[in-house]
Amino acid sequence: MRSSDVSRGLSCVLNSAVLSNSTKRSSRVYKQLSFVMSVSDMFSYIQGCLSADQDVREEIRKVVQVLEQTAREILTVVQSVHQPTGFKDIPDKCAKARELFGTVRTHIADLKTKFPVDQYYRFHEHWRFVLQRLTFLAAFVVYLESEALVTREEVAQILDIEVVRDKGFHLDVEDYLAGVLIMASELSRLAVNSVTAGNYSRPLRISNFINELDSGFRLLNLKNDPLRKRYDGLKYDVKKIEEVVYDLSIRGLAKEAKSEP
């Protein structure tokens, strides 16, 4: 048995034996249990807790897998804008993506029923990645519709989840930021493909947007290592878009783009 499993099991003992959140009382009850139960009984009880915990995690994984599939379907829809003819159908593609977000909301509602409302971060690792991906997709759709940065509140509304932690299943601020950074990478790709499609004004607008986004992130003191590494990738996105804008400038296409209505 791994030490992490034992630790989780011991935590389960304390959680089931004590209703109060008092650390001192939990410690006292645990000491009482250790005297009453034999070692074999205690580890048998721990195994029961571990099994129950694994059952919960398995139920969560099943729902998350369905969420991931729906996220891939939305990604397929929105990434079609990178095709030469995709720019003409952006409103239709955004509408289709928003329809699929309805399915996402249904699955998230199901996910909420799989674990106690006060144990969000205990199981957060299971849906963290897909929630970041869904945030990216929501941000990308909103950008395609309005060329504006989606707020955390707007993403929460699209996914039908909370913003405030105390209200239950919510959008963690770091998950929101990670999703926005993924969107930045997608926009750098969009800038390149816009030129290929003959749209020279869009890369200029994307450049302004990404530079504002970069300035905003510079105001943050990021200590989360994965988030910090993802932010480092934003610098490459900025550079990539700047190169696109530079190429347009030296070819005289930037002036032409600015004169477009």
Protein backbone atom coordinates (compact mmCIF):
# COMPACT_ATOMS: atom_id res chain seq x y z
CA MET A 1 0.00 0.00 0.00
CA ARG A 2 1.44 3.38 -0.99
CA SER A 3 2.04 6.02 1.67
CA SER A 4 -0.32 8.39 -0.17
CA ASP A 5 -3.08 5.77 0.07
CA VAL A 6 -2.47 5.33 3.78
CA SER A 7 -2.57 9.09 4.29
CA ARG A 8 -5.83 9.32 2.35
CA GLY A 9 -7.24 6.48 4.40
CA LEU A 10 -6.27 8.06 7.69
CA SER A 11 -7.88 11.28 6.52
CA CYS A 12 -11.01 9.29 5.72
CA VAL A 13 -11.04 7.91 9.26
CA LEU A 14 -10.95 11.38 10.72
CA ASN A 15 -13.59 12.72 8.32
CA SER A 16 -16.05 9.93 9.05
CA ALA A 17 -15.47 9.86 12.79
CA VAL A 18 -15.74 13.58 13.49
CA LEU A 19 -18.42 16.03 12.40
CA SER A 20 -16.62 19.07 13.79
CA ASN A 21 -13.85 20.75 11.83
CA SER A 22 -11.81 21.29 14.95
CA THR A 23 -8.27 19.95 14.49
CA LYS A 24 -7.80 19.29 18.20
CA ARG A 25 -11.02 17.32 18.45
CA SER A 26 -10.16 15.29 15.32
CA SER A 27 -6.78 14.41 16.79
CA ARG A 28 -8.37 13.37 20.09
CA VAL A 29 -10.96 11.12 18.39
CA TYR A 30 -8.28 9.56 16.19
CA LYS A 31 -6.23 8.70 19.29
CA GLN A 32 -9.32 7.14 20.86
CA LEU A 33 -9.92 5.06 17.74
CA SER A 34 -6.33 3.86 17.73
CA PHE A 35 -6.81 2.42 21.23
CA VAL A 36 -10.17 0.80 20.47
CA MET A 37 -9.25 -0.77 17.12
CA SER A 38 -6.55 -3.31 16.52
CA VAL A 39 -4.03 -2.59 13.78
CA SER A 40 -5.67 -5.07 11.42
CA ASP A 41 -9.14 -3.62 12.12
CA MET A 42 -7.90 -0.11 11.58
CA PHE A 43 -6.32 -0.95 8.21
CA SER A 44 -9.39 -2.88 7.18
CA TYR A 45 -11.42 0.23 7.92
CA ILE A 46 -8.91 2.33 5.98
CA GLN A 47 -9.22 -0.04 3.03
CA GLY A 48 -12.97 0.47 3.08
CA CYS A 49 -12.45 4.22 2.99
CA LEU A 50 -9.97 3.89 0.13
CA SER A 51 -12.39 1.72 -1.84
CA ALA A 52 -15.19 4.23 -1.33
CA ASP A 53 -12.86 7.04 -2.39
CA GLN A 54 -11.84 5.14 -5.53
CA ASP A 55 -15.50 4.54 -6.39
CA VAL A 56 -16.15 8.29 -6.23
CA ARG A 57 -13.11 9.00 -8.38
CA GLU A 58 -14.16 6.43 -10.95
CA GLU A 59 -17.61 8.02 -11.23
CA ILE A 60 -15.96 11.41 -11.68
CA ARG A 61 -13.61 10.05 -14.35
CA LYS A 62 -16.55 8.70 -16.35
CA VAL A 63 -18.24 12.09 -16.48
CA VAL A 64 -14.96 13.87 -17.23
CA GLN A 65 -14.35 11.55 -20.19
CA VAL A 66 -17.70 12.57 -21.66
CA LEU A 67 -16.86 16.23 -21.01
CA GLU A 68 -13.55 15.80 -22.81
CA GLN A 69 -15.33 14.29 -25.81
CA THR A 70 -17.72 17.25 -26.00
CA ALA A 71 -14.77 19.65 -25.66
CA ARG A 72 -13.13 17.94 -28.64
CA GLU A 73 -16.33 18.39 -30.65
CA ILE A 74 -16.39 22.11 -29.85
CA LEU A 75 -12.70 22.38 -30.72
CA THR A 76 -13.35 20.76 -34.10
CA VAL A 77 -16.05 23.34 -34.80
CA VAL A 78 -14.09 26.44 -33.81
CA GLN A 79 -10.79 25.35 -35.35
CA SER A 80 -12.44 25.16 -38.74
CA VAL A 81 -12.11 28.96 -38.85
CA HIS A 82 -8.46 28.37 -39.74
CA GLN A 83 -9.53 27.03 -43.12
CA PRO A 84 -9.40 29.50 -46.05
CA THR A 85 -13.19 29.54 -46.28
CA GLY A 86 -13.73 29.39 -42.53
CA PHE A 87 -13.68 33.15 -41.95
CA LYS A 88 -16.91 33.60 -43.86
CA ASP A 89 -18.81 31.26 -41.55
CA ILE A 90 -17.58 32.49 -38.17
CA PRO A 91 -21.06 33.47 -36.86
CA ASP A 92 -22.47 30.04 -37.77
CA LYS A 93 -19.53 28.25 -36.18
CA CYS A 94 -19.85 30.26 -32.97
CA ALA A 95 -23.57 29.49 -32.84
CA LYS A 96 -22.85 25.79 -33.26
CA ALA A 97 -20.22 25.92 -30.51
CA ARG A 98 -22.68 27.60 -28.14
CA GLU A 99 -25.18 24.82 -28.81
CA LEU A 100 -22.57 22.27 -27.79
CA PHE A 101 -21.89 24.23 -24.61
CA GLY A 102 -25.46 23.31 -23.68
CA THR A 103 -24.31 19.68 -23.63
CA VAL A 104 -21.34 20.72 -21.52
CA ARG A 105 -23.65 22.29 -18.95
CA THR A 106 -25.62 19.06 -18.72
CA HIS A 107 -22.49 17.01 -18.07
CA ILE A 108 -21.18 19.48 -15.50
CA ALA A 109 -24.52 19.32 -13.69
CA ASP A 110 -24.04 15.54 -13.55
CA LEU A 111 -20.46 15.95 -12.33
CA LYS A 112 -21.62 18.13 -9.44
CA THR A 113 -23.62 15.20 -8.05
CA LYS A 114 -20.62 12.85 -7.87
CA PHE A 115 -18.85 14.34 -4.85
CA PRO A 116 -19.62 16.37 -1.70
CA VAL A 117 -19.94 20.06 -2.46
CA ASP A 118 -17.28 20.99 0.10
CA GLN A 119 -14.64 18.67 -1.38
CA TYR A 120 -14.04 20.48 -4.69
CA TYR A 121 -10.26 20.66 -4.36
CA ARG A 122 -9.98 17.08 -3.16
CA PHE A 123 -11.02 15.92 -6.64
CA HIS A 124 -10.04 19.01 -8.63
CA GLU A 125 -7.20 17.20 -10.37
CA HIS A 126 -9.69 15.09 -12.32
CA TRP A 127 -11.43 17.95 -14.14
CA ARG A 128 -8.77 20.68 -14.00
CA PHE A 129 -7.47 20.06 -17.52
CA VAL A 130 -10.87 19.80 -19.20
CA LEU A 131 -12.11 22.89 -17.33
CA GLN A 132 -9.11 24.83 -18.62
CA ARG A 133 -9.82 23.55 -22.12
CA LEU A 134 -13.48 24.56 -21.89
CA THR A 135 -12.42 28.00 -20.64
CA PHE A 136 -10.17 28.34 -23.68
CA LEU A 137 -13.00 27.33 -26.00
CA ALA A 138 -15.42 29.79 -24.39
CA ALA A 139 -12.79 32.54 -24.59
CA PHE A 140 -12.08 31.78 -28.25
CA VAL A 141 -15.77 31.82 -29.17
CA VAL A 142 -16.29 35.14 -27.40
CA TYR A 143 -13.25 36.60 -29.18
CA LEU A 144 -14.49 35.44 -32.57
CA GLU A 145 -17.85 37.04 -31.83
CA SER A 146 -16.69 40.35 -30.38
CA GLU A 147 -12.86 40.44 -30.43
CA ALA A 148 -12.99 41.02 -26.67
CA LEU A 149 -11.50 39.18 -23.71
CA VAL A 150 -13.99 36.96 -21.96
CA THR A 151 -14.33 37.58 -18.23
CA ARG A 152 -14.21 34.88 -15.60
CA GLU A 153 -17.86 35.59 -14.84
CA GLU A 154 -18.83 35.11 -18.50
CA VAL A 155 -17.05 31.76 -18.67
CA ALA A 156 -18.78 30.65 -15.47
CA GLN A 157 -22.12 31.64 -16.98
CA ILE A 158 -21.41 29.74 -20.21
CA LEU A 159 -20.50 26.62 -18.22
CA ASP A 160 -23.23 27.16 -15.60
CA ILE A 161 -20.81 27.06 -12.68
CA GLU A 162 -19.96 29.45 -9.88
CA VAL A 163 -17.27 32.09 -9.54
CA VAL A 164 -17.25 32.25 -5.75
CA ARG A 165 -15.49 29.32 -4.14
CA ASP A 166 -17.89 29.04 -1.20
CA LYS A 167 -20.84 28.42 -3.53
CA GLY A 168 -19.56 25.05 -4.70
CA PHE A 169 -18.36 23.91 -8.12
CA HIS A 170 -16.61 27.01 -9.44
CA LEU A 171 -14.08 28.29 -11.95
CA ASP A 172 -10.77 28.59 -10.15
CA VAL A 173 -8.92 31.78 -11.11
CA GLU A 174 -5.83 29.83 -12.17
CA ASP A 175 -7.93 27.60 -14.43
CA TYR A 176 -9.43 30.73 -15.99
CA LEU A 177 -5.99 32.23 -16.61
CA ALA A 178 -4.69 28.97 -18.08
CA GLY A 179 -7.62 28.88 -20.49
CA VAL A 180 -6.97 32.47 -21.59
CA LEU A 181 -3.32 31.63 -22.28
CA ILE A 182 -4.34 28.66 -24.42
CA MET A 183 -6.54 31.04 -26.39
CA ALA A 184 -3.53 33.30 -27.01
CA SER A 185 -1.74 30.44 -28.74
CA GLU A 186 -4.80 29.82 -30.89
CA LEU A 187 -4.92 33.49 -31.87
CA SER A 188 -1.29 33.45 -32.97
CA ARG A 189 -2.20 30.63 -35.32
CA LEU A 190 -5.26 32.56 -36.47
CA ALA A 191 -3.09 35.57 -37.31
CA VAL A 192 -0.94 33.49 -39.66
CA ASN A 193 -3.90 31.82 -41.33
CA SER A 194 -5.68 35.16 -41.74
CA VAL A 195 -2.85 36.35 -43.98
CA THR A 196 -3.07 33.13 -45.98
CA ALA A 197 -6.78 33.78 -46.47
CA GLY A 198 -6.08 37.34 -47.63
CA ASN A 199 -7.39 39.03 -44.49
CA TYR A 200 -4.66 41.53 -43.61
CA SER A 201 -6.52 43.57 -41.03
CA ARG A 202 -7.25 40.75 -38.60
CA PRO A 203 -3.57 40.09 -37.69
CA LEU A 204 -3.20 43.77 -36.73
CA ARG A 205 -6.22 43.57 -34.44
CA ILE A 206 -4.98 40.29 -32.98
CA SER A 207 -1.59 41.89 -32.35
CA ASN A 208 -3.16 44.76 -30.40
CA PHE A 209 -5.28 42.33 -28.41
CA ILE A 210 -2.38 40.01 -27.54
CA ASN A 211 -0.16 42.92 -26.54
CA GLU A 212 -2.85 44.16 -24.15
CA LEU A 213 -3.21 40.63 -22.80
CA ASP A 214 0.55 40.38 -22.28
CA SER A 215 0.55 43.71 -20.44
CA GLY A 216 -2.19 42.44 -18.17
CA PHE A 217 -0.34 39.25 -17.31
CA ARG A 218 2.79 41.25 -16.50
CA LEU A 219 0.85 42.81 -13.64
CA LEU A 220 0.42 39.39 -12.02
CA ASN A 221 2.89 37.81 -9.67
CA LEU A 222 2.54 34.24 -10.90
CA LYS A 223 3.88 31.65 -8.48
CA ASN A 224 2.02 28.66 -9.86
CA ASP A 225 4.69 26.75 -11.82
CA PRO A 226 2.45 25.27 -14.55
CA LEU A 227 0.71 28.63 -15.03
CA ARG A 228 4.06 30.44 -15.08
CA LYS A 229 5.37 28.08 -17.76
CA ARG A 230 2.24 28.60 -19.82
CA TYR A 231 2.65 32.35 -19.46
CA ASP A 232 6.21 32.04 -20.76
CA GLY A 233 4.64 30.62 -23.92
CA LEU A 234 2.70 33.87 -24.34
CA LYS A 235 6.00 35.63 -25.09
CA TYR A 236 6.50 33.37 -28.09
CA ASP A 237 2.94 34.03 -29.24
CA VAL A 238 3.59 37.78 -29.07
CA LYS A 239 6.79 37.37 -31.05
CA LYS A 240 5.10 35.18 -33.67
CA ILE A 241 2.33 37.72 -34.22
CA GLU A 242 4.81 40.59 -34.34
CA GLU A 243 6.64 38.79 -37.13
CA VAL A 244 3.38 38.47 -39.07
CA VAL A 245 2.67 42.18 -38.63
CA TYR A 246 6.25 43.02 -39.65
CA ASP A 247 5.94 40.98 -42.84
CA LEU A 248 2.73 42.80 -43.67
CA SER A 249 4.42 46.14 -43.03
CA ILE A 250 7.44 45.60 -45.27
CA ARG A 251 5.12 44.49 -48.05
CA GLY A 252 2.93 47.55 -47.65
CA LEU A 253 -0.04 45.41 -46.73
CA ALA A 254 -0.39 46.84 -43.24
CA LYS A 255 -1.29 50.29 -44.60
CA GLU A 256 -3.74 48.67 -46.96
CA ALA A 257 -5.29 46.78 -44.05
CA LYS A 258 -5.62 49.95 -41.96
CA SER A 259 -7.45 51.68 -44.78
CA GLU A 260 -10.04 48.91 -44.93
CA PRO A 261 -13.45 49.83 -43.44
